[in-house]
Protein backbone atom coordinates (compact mmCIF):
# COMPACT_ATOMS: atom_id res chain seq x y z
CA MET A 1 0.03 0.01 0.00
CA GLU A 2 2.85 2.33 0.95
CA PHE A 3 4.44 1.67 -2.44
CA LEU A 4 1.38 2.54 -4.43
CA ARG A 5 0.89 5.75 -2.37
CA LEU A 6 4.25 6.95 -3.72
CA LYS A 7 3.06 6.45 -7.17
CA PHE A 8 -0.70 7.40 -7.02
CA ALA A 9 -3.02 9.58 -4.90
CA LEU A 10 -4.84 6.89 -2.74
CA ARG A 11 -7.18 6.83 0.16
CA ASP A 12 -6.94 3.66 2.45
CA LEU A 13 -10.68 2.39 2.81
CA GLY A 14 -9.62 -0.60 4.93
CA GLN A 15 -9.79 -4.19 4.20
CA LEU A 16 -11.45 -5.20 1.03
CA SER A 17 -14.96 -6.74 1.44
CA TYR A 18 -16.94 -5.86 -1.48
CA PHE A 19 -16.22 -4.64 -4.94
CA LEU A 20 -18.33 -4.66 -8.32
CA GLY A 21 -20.63 -7.53 -6.93
CA LEU A 22 -17.76 -9.53 -5.62
CA GLU A 23 -17.64 -10.31 -1.95
CA VAL A 24 -14.42 -10.94 -0.30
CA HIS A 25 -14.42 -13.00 2.87
CA HIS A 26 -11.04 -13.30 4.79
CA THR A 27 -9.98 -16.38 6.45
CA ALA A 28 -6.90 -17.29 8.53
CA ASP A 29 -4.81 -18.43 5.69
CA GLY A 30 -6.42 -16.61 2.68
CA LEU A 31 -9.80 -15.43 1.40
CA ILE A 32 -12.84 -16.76 -0.27
CA LEU A 33 -14.58 -14.84 -3.32
CA ASN A 34 -18.32 -15.12 -3.36
CA GLN A 35 -21.18 -13.23 -5.25
CA ARG A 36 -24.09 -14.04 -2.97
CA LYS A 37 -25.82 -10.52 -3.23
CA TYR A 38 -25.50 -10.64 -6.91
CA ILE A 39 -27.07 -14.05 -7.12
CA LEU A 40 -29.92 -12.88 -4.92
CA GLU A 41 -30.42 -9.93 -7.44
CA LEU A 42 -30.32 -12.45 -10.51
CA LEU A 43 -32.93 -14.74 -8.74
CA LYS A 44 -35.15 -11.67 -8.25
CA ARG A 45 -34.93 -10.42 -11.79
CA SER A 46 -35.62 -13.87 -13.16
CA GLY A 47 -38.67 -14.47 -11.02
CA MET A 48 -36.90 -17.46 -9.35
CA SER A 49 -36.47 -16.18 -5.64
CA THR A 50 -38.60 -18.92 -4.26
CA ALA A 51 -37.56 -21.63 -6.73
CA ASN A 52 -36.57 -25.08 -5.20
CA ALA A 53 -32.79 -25.87 -5.28
CA ILE A 54 -31.25 -28.52 -7.46
CA SER A 55 -27.85 -30.38 -7.46
CA THR A 56 -26.50 -29.58 -10.87
CA PRO A 57 -26.74 -26.65 -13.17
CA CYS A 58 -27.65 -28.79 -16.26
CA THR A 59 -28.91 -32.36 -16.82
CA ALA A 60 -26.43 -35.05 -17.71
CA ASN A 61 -27.73 -35.42 -21.25
CA GLN A 62 -28.45 -31.70 -21.99
CA LEU A 63 -27.89 -30.76 -25.70
CA LEU A 64 -29.93 -27.72 -26.59
CA GLN A 65 -30.76 -27.06 -30.30
CA SER A 66 -31.40 -23.88 -32.20
CA ALA A 67 -34.71 -22.04 -32.70
CA SER A 68 -35.55 -24.08 -35.76
CA ASP A 69 -36.52 -26.95 -33.54
CA LEU A 70 -39.98 -27.86 -32.04
CA SER A 71 -39.78 -25.71 -28.95
CA PRO A 72 -41.57 -22.46 -29.44
CA ALA A 73 -39.87 -18.98 -29.32
CA PHE A 74 -39.46 -17.59 -25.72
CA ALA A 75 -41.86 -14.73 -25.27
CA ASP A 76 -39.37 -12.35 -23.62
CA PRO A 77 -35.89 -12.47 -25.36
CA GLY A 78 -34.68 -9.42 -23.79
CA LEU A 79 -35.04 -11.03 -20.20
CA TYR A 80 -33.30 -14.21 -21.62
CA ARG A 81 -30.41 -12.00 -22.67
CA SER A 82 -30.37 -9.97 -19.38
CA ILE A 83 -30.16 -13.10 -17.26
CA VAL A 84 -27.57 -14.87 -19.35
CA GLY A 85 -25.42 -11.80 -19.30
CA GLY A 86 -25.72 -11.79 -15.57
CA LEU A 87 -24.63 -15.33 -15.35
CA GLN A 88 -21.50 -14.69 -17.49
CA TYR A 89 -20.42 -12.13 -14.95
CA LEU A 90 -21.10 -14.55 -12.08
CA SER A 91 -19.06 -17.31 -13.61
CA PHE A 92 -16.03 -15.23 -12.79
CA THR A 93 -16.06 -16.82 -9.21
CA ARG A 94 -18.05 -19.89 -10.21
CA PRO A 95 -16.20 -22.33 -12.43
CA ASP A 96 -18.99 -24.87 -11.79
CA LEU A 97 -21.20 -22.90 -13.96
CA SER A 98 -18.68 -22.49 -16.83
CA PHE A 99 -20.12 -25.03 -19.11
CA ALA A 100 -23.91 -24.56 -18.49
CA VAL A 101 -23.60 -20.74 -19.07
CA ASN A 102 -21.47 -21.13 -22.12
CA HIS A 103 -24.09 -23.50 -23.49
CA VAL A 104 -27.04 -21.21 -22.89
CA SER A 105 -25.03 -18.17 -24.12
CA GLN A 106 -25.16 -19.72 -27.60
CA PHE A 107 -28.83 -19.02 -28.11
CA GLN A 108 -29.16 -15.39 -27.18
CA GLN A 109 -30.23 -14.31 -30.78
CA SER A 110 -33.39 -16.63 -30.91
CA PRO A 111 -34.10 -18.20 -27.54
CA THR A 112 -36.75 -20.70 -27.28
CA ASP A 113 -38.65 -21.95 -24.24
CA ALA A 114 -36.32 -25.03 -24.00
CA HIS A 115 -33.47 -22.58 -23.73
CA TRP A 116 -35.24 -20.76 -21.00
CA ALA A 117 -36.00 -23.85 -19.19
CA ALA A 118 -32.22 -24.57 -19.14
CA VAL A 119 -31.59 -21.08 -17.65
CA LYS A 120 -34.06 -21.76 -14.97
CA ARG A 121 -32.31 -24.81 -14.11
CA ILE A 122 -29.05 -22.85 -13.56
CA MET A 123 -30.97 -20.46 -11.31
CA ARG A 124 -32.42 -23.32 -9.38
CA TYR A 125 -28.83 -24.60 -8.82
CA LEU A 126 -27.61 -21.14 -7.62
CA GLN A 127 -30.52 -21.16 -5.10
CA GLY A 128 -28.91 -24.12 -3.53
CA THR A 129 -25.50 -22.82 -3.58
CA LEU A 130 -25.96 -19.17 -2.57
CA THR A 131 -22.94 -19.14 -0.20
CA GLN A 132 -20.59 -21.04 -2.38
CA GLY A 133 -17.29 -19.26 -3.16
CA LEU A 134 -13.85 -19.76 -4.69
CA VAL A 135 -11.09 -20.26 -2.11
CA PHE A 136 -7.58 -18.79 -2.34
CA GLN A 137 -4.93 -19.93 0.06
CA ARG A 138 -1.33 -18.98 0.69
CA SER A 139 1.44 -21.29 -0.44
CA ALA A 140 5.21 -21.16 0.19
CA ARG A 141 6.17 -21.77 -3.43
CA PRO A 142 3.22 -21.97 -5.86
CA GLN A 143 3.78 -23.17 -9.36
CA LEU A 144 1.49 -23.05 -12.24
CA HIS A 145 -0.04 -26.30 -13.70
CA GLY A 146 -3.10 -26.76 -15.84
CA TYR A 147 -5.58 -29.35 -17.26
CA SER A 148 -7.13 -29.37 -20.66
CA ASP A 149 -9.92 -31.51 -22.09
CA ALA A 150 -12.19 -31.50 -25.10
CA SER A 151 -15.51 -33.01 -25.92
CA PHE A 152 -15.17 -34.37 -29.57
CA ALA A 153 -17.84 -33.11 -31.99
CA SER A 154 -20.30 -32.43 -29.03
CA SER A 155 -22.28 -29.66 -30.58
CA PRO A 156 -25.31 -31.17 -32.41
CA ARG A 157 -25.77 -27.94 -34.39
CA ASP A 158 -22.50 -27.92 -36.25
CA ARG A 159 -20.36 -30.69 -34.72
CA LYS A 160 -17.72 -28.51 -33.33
CA SER A 161 -15.89 -29.74 -30.21
CA ILE A 162 -16.02 -27.95 -26.86
CA SER A 163 -12.70 -27.16 -25.31
CA GLY A 164 -12.03 -26.52 -21.51
CA TYR A 165 -9.10 -25.69 -19.39
CA ALA A 166 -8.31 -25.13 -15.69
CA VAL A 167 -5.06 -23.42 -14.51
CA PHE A 168 -3.82 -23.57 -10.98
CA TYR A 169 -1.33 -21.55 -9.22
CA GLY A 170 -0.33 -23.84 -6.38
CA SER A 171 -3.63 -25.19 -5.01
CA ASN A 172 -5.53 -22.13 -6.21
CA LEU A 173 -7.66 -22.06 -9.48
CA VAL A 174 -6.69 -18.96 -11.17
CA SER A 175 -7.99 -19.27 -14.66
CA TRP A 176 -10.54 -21.39 -16.51
CA SER A 177 -12.53 -21.51 -19.78
CA THR A 178 -15.33 -23.35 -21.62
CA ARG A 179 -15.32 -22.57 -25.26
CA LYS A 180 -16.42 -24.06 -28.72
CA GLN A 181 -13.66 -24.50 -31.10
CA LYS A 182 -13.53 -22.44 -34.14
CA ALA A 183 -13.19 -25.23 -36.73
CA VAL A 184 -14.54 -28.89 -36.96
CA ALA A 185 -12.05 -31.42 -35.68
CA ARG A 186 -11.53 -34.61 -37.65
CA SER A 187 -10.44 -36.71 -34.72
CA SER A 188 -10.56 -36.64 -30.81
CA THR A 189 -6.79 -36.31 -31.05
CA GLU A 190 -7.07 -33.17 -33.16
CA CYS A 191 -9.57 -31.49 -30.91
CA GLU A 192 -7.69 -32.59 -27.71
CA TYR A 193 -4.55 -30.98 -29.11
CA ARG A 194 -6.19 -27.80 -29.98
CA ALA A 195 -7.49 -27.52 -26.39
CA LEU A 196 -3.93 -28.28 -25.18
CA ALA A 197 -2.58 -25.43 -27.37
CA THR A 198 -5.31 -22.97 -25.86
CA LEU A 199 -4.12 -24.08 -22.35
CA ALA A 200 -0.39 -23.46 -23.31
CA SER A 201 -1.01 -20.03 -24.50
CA GLU A 202 -2.94 -19.17 -21.28
CA VAL A 203 -0.25 -20.74 -19.07
CA ILE A 204 2.44 -18.63 -20.79
CA TRP A 205 0.47 -15.39 -20.54
CA LEU A 206 0.26 -16.12 -16.70
CA GLN A 207 3.88 -16.64 -16.51
CA SER A 208 4.46 -13.27 -18.09
CA LEU A 209 1.94 -11.58 -15.80
CA LEU A 210 3.50 -13.32 -12.65
CA ALA A 211 6.94 -12.07 -13.78
CA GLU A 212 5.62 -8.58 -14.06
CA LEU A 213 4.25 -8.79 -10.70
CA GLY A 214 7.59 -9.89 -9.24
CA GLN A 215 6.52 -13.44 -8.58
CA PRO A 216 8.40 -15.43 -11.43
CA THR A 217 7.77 -19.18 -11.70
CA HIS A 218 10.67 -21.32 -10.83
CA THR A 219 9.94 -24.41 -12.66
CA SER A 220 8.36 -25.24 -15.92
CA PRO A 221 4.58 -25.69 -15.83
CA VAL A 222 3.07 -29.09 -16.21
CA LEU A 223 0.03 -29.42 -18.63
CA TRP A 224 -2.19 -32.52 -17.98
CA CYS A 225 -4.07 -34.06 -20.93
CA ASP A 226 -6.13 -37.28 -20.88
CA ASN A 227 -5.55 -38.14 -24.61
CA LEU A 228 -2.55 -40.16 -25.25
CA GLY A 229 -2.50 -39.20 -29.05
CA ALA A 230 -2.27 -35.39 -28.10
CA THR A 231 0.31 -36.13 -25.38
CA TYR A 232 2.63 -38.18 -27.95
CA LEU A 233 1.94 -35.35 -30.56
CA ALA A 234 3.35 -32.86 -28.32
CA HIS A 235 6.60 -34.82 -27.77
CA ASN A 236 7.16 -36.95 -31.00
CA PRO A 237 8.09 -35.11 -34.37
CA VAL A 238 7.30 -38.27 -36.25
CA PHE A 239 3.56 -37.39 -35.89
CA HIS A 240 4.00 -34.03 -37.71
CA THR A 241 3.76 -35.40 -41.34
CA ARG A 242 0.42 -37.04 -40.47
CA SER A 243 -0.92 -33.77 -38.85
CA LYS A 244 -0.18 -30.97 -41.17
CA HIS A 245 -3.65 -29.51 -40.58
CA LEU A 246 -2.51 -28.91 -36.86
CA GLU A 247 0.60 -27.24 -37.95
CA ILE A 248 0.14 -23.91 -36.05
CA GLU A 249 -0.95 -25.51 -32.87
CA PHE A 250 1.83 -28.25 -33.36
CA HIS A 251 4.80 -25.90 -33.79
CA PHE A 252 3.42 -23.62 -30.83
CA VAL A 253 3.24 -26.26 -28.14
CA ARG A 254 6.04 -28.39 -29.64
CA ASP A 255 8.46 -25.49 -29.70
CA ARG A 256 7.71 -24.88 -25.86
CA VAL A 257 8.20 -28.52 -25.02
CA ASN A 258 11.53 -28.69 -26.84
CA LYS A 259 12.73 -25.75 -24.92
CA GLN A 260 11.71 -27.28 -21.76
CA GLN A 261 9.43 -24.28 -20.91
CA LEU A 262 6.33 -26.61 -20.60
CA HIS A 263 5.82 -30.37 -19.75
CA VAL A 264 2.96 -32.17 -21.26
CA ARG A 265 1.86 -35.21 -19.11
CA TYR A 266 -0.85 -37.75 -19.40
CA LEU A 267 -3.36 -38.51 -16.90
CA PRO A 268 -6.54 -40.78 -16.81
CA ALA A 269 -9.75 -39.27 -17.71
CA THR A 270 -11.15 -39.77 -14.21
CA ASP A 271 -8.77 -37.45 -12.82
CA GLN A 272 -9.14 -34.74 -15.63
CA LEU A 273 -10.38 -31.76 -13.75
CA ALA A 274 -11.25 -29.90 -17.02
CA ASP A 275 -13.78 -32.58 -17.74
CA VAL A 276 -16.55 -30.58 -16.06
CA LEU A 277 -15.80 -27.79 -18.30
CA THR A 278 -16.59 -29.49 -21.46
CA LYS A 279 -19.68 -31.63 -20.99
CA PRO A 280 -22.75 -31.83 -18.64
CA LEU A 281 -22.26 -34.37 -15.87
CA ALA A 282 -24.33 -36.40 -13.54
CA ARG A 283 -24.44 -35.30 -9.85
CA LEU A 284 -21.77 -37.43 -8.18
CA PRO A 285 -18.99 -36.82 -10.84
CA PHE A 286 -19.92 -33.18 -11.08
CA ARG A 287 -19.69 -32.69 -7.20
CA ASN A 288 -16.43 -34.68 -7.21
CA PHE A 289 -14.79 -32.31 -9.86
CA CYS A 290 -16.03 -29.28 -8.40
CA SER A 291 -14.81 -30.02 -4.91
CA LYS A 292 -11.36 -30.29 -6.54
CA PHE A 293 -11.79 -26.60 -7.82
CA HIS A 294 -11.67 -25.53 -4.09
CA LEU A 295 -15.18 -24.22 -3.80
CA SER A 296 -16.25 -23.73 -0.15
CA GLU A 297 -19.28 -22.43 1.64
CA VAL A 298 -18.87 -19.11 3.13
CA GLN A 299 -19.79 -18.89 6.82
CA LEU A 300 -22.02 -15.89 7.13
CA ALA A 301 -22.16 -13.69 10.36
CA GLY A 302 -24.88 -14.89 12.67
CA ALA A 303 -25.52 -17.95 10.70
């Protein structure tokens, strides 16, 4: 704080507790980020304040279609866009919402009743997880490591794959993403490798940011992938001649691996934390993966 005062005109407002809808709860060894007040506002705007809670934000087989399907058009598209936009901001502290929110965000132009039903399910899930927040704890020598996954050809509209990644700094989840890939992949290895390249780009950016903040990483980050083909492709140049359509992603990741700036490792799909970011899961696996994201219940005063 004193250092910043030398550079800028500042006023000390005390310990941070609330900022732009983010609630900061301080603990003995770190803090918890939560958006309870913001969730309550969303529930009120959507007319879901008294809705019954549910255990997952989407059904295990949820695959929404476009407006050309049987479901009639939703009567209030403006409300749909408003609530989905609010959910996108909420996902800044709720990685458990990432896939579900990304899924309903793809239909903002022409939402149907089926799309609105999917949004209401997310709101019912939030009703039961109001006090859940993202935990950040101190660590002696934290290092970057990340998980990447992809769901091959999972979009029924255009058969594009869904990529997801989660980046940890020590035990703290600091970056995550769910995104549809820009091109149709021709194999599971191809879509997994593209997801791996996206993760590599994010990790390299975070390394640069940490260095600027005076906290350089001391060891090369490890990237975990559950596809053996993509893992081999990152290490074995023999695969290059059979994968020319992956040329940009190949050279980008391969160059970093050659320079020992990144390490790509295989892990079983059951341990792939990014799995929950690429597809809807049933209740038990969903809760298992989310627990590893270090989401915790905030203890409210007087509770």
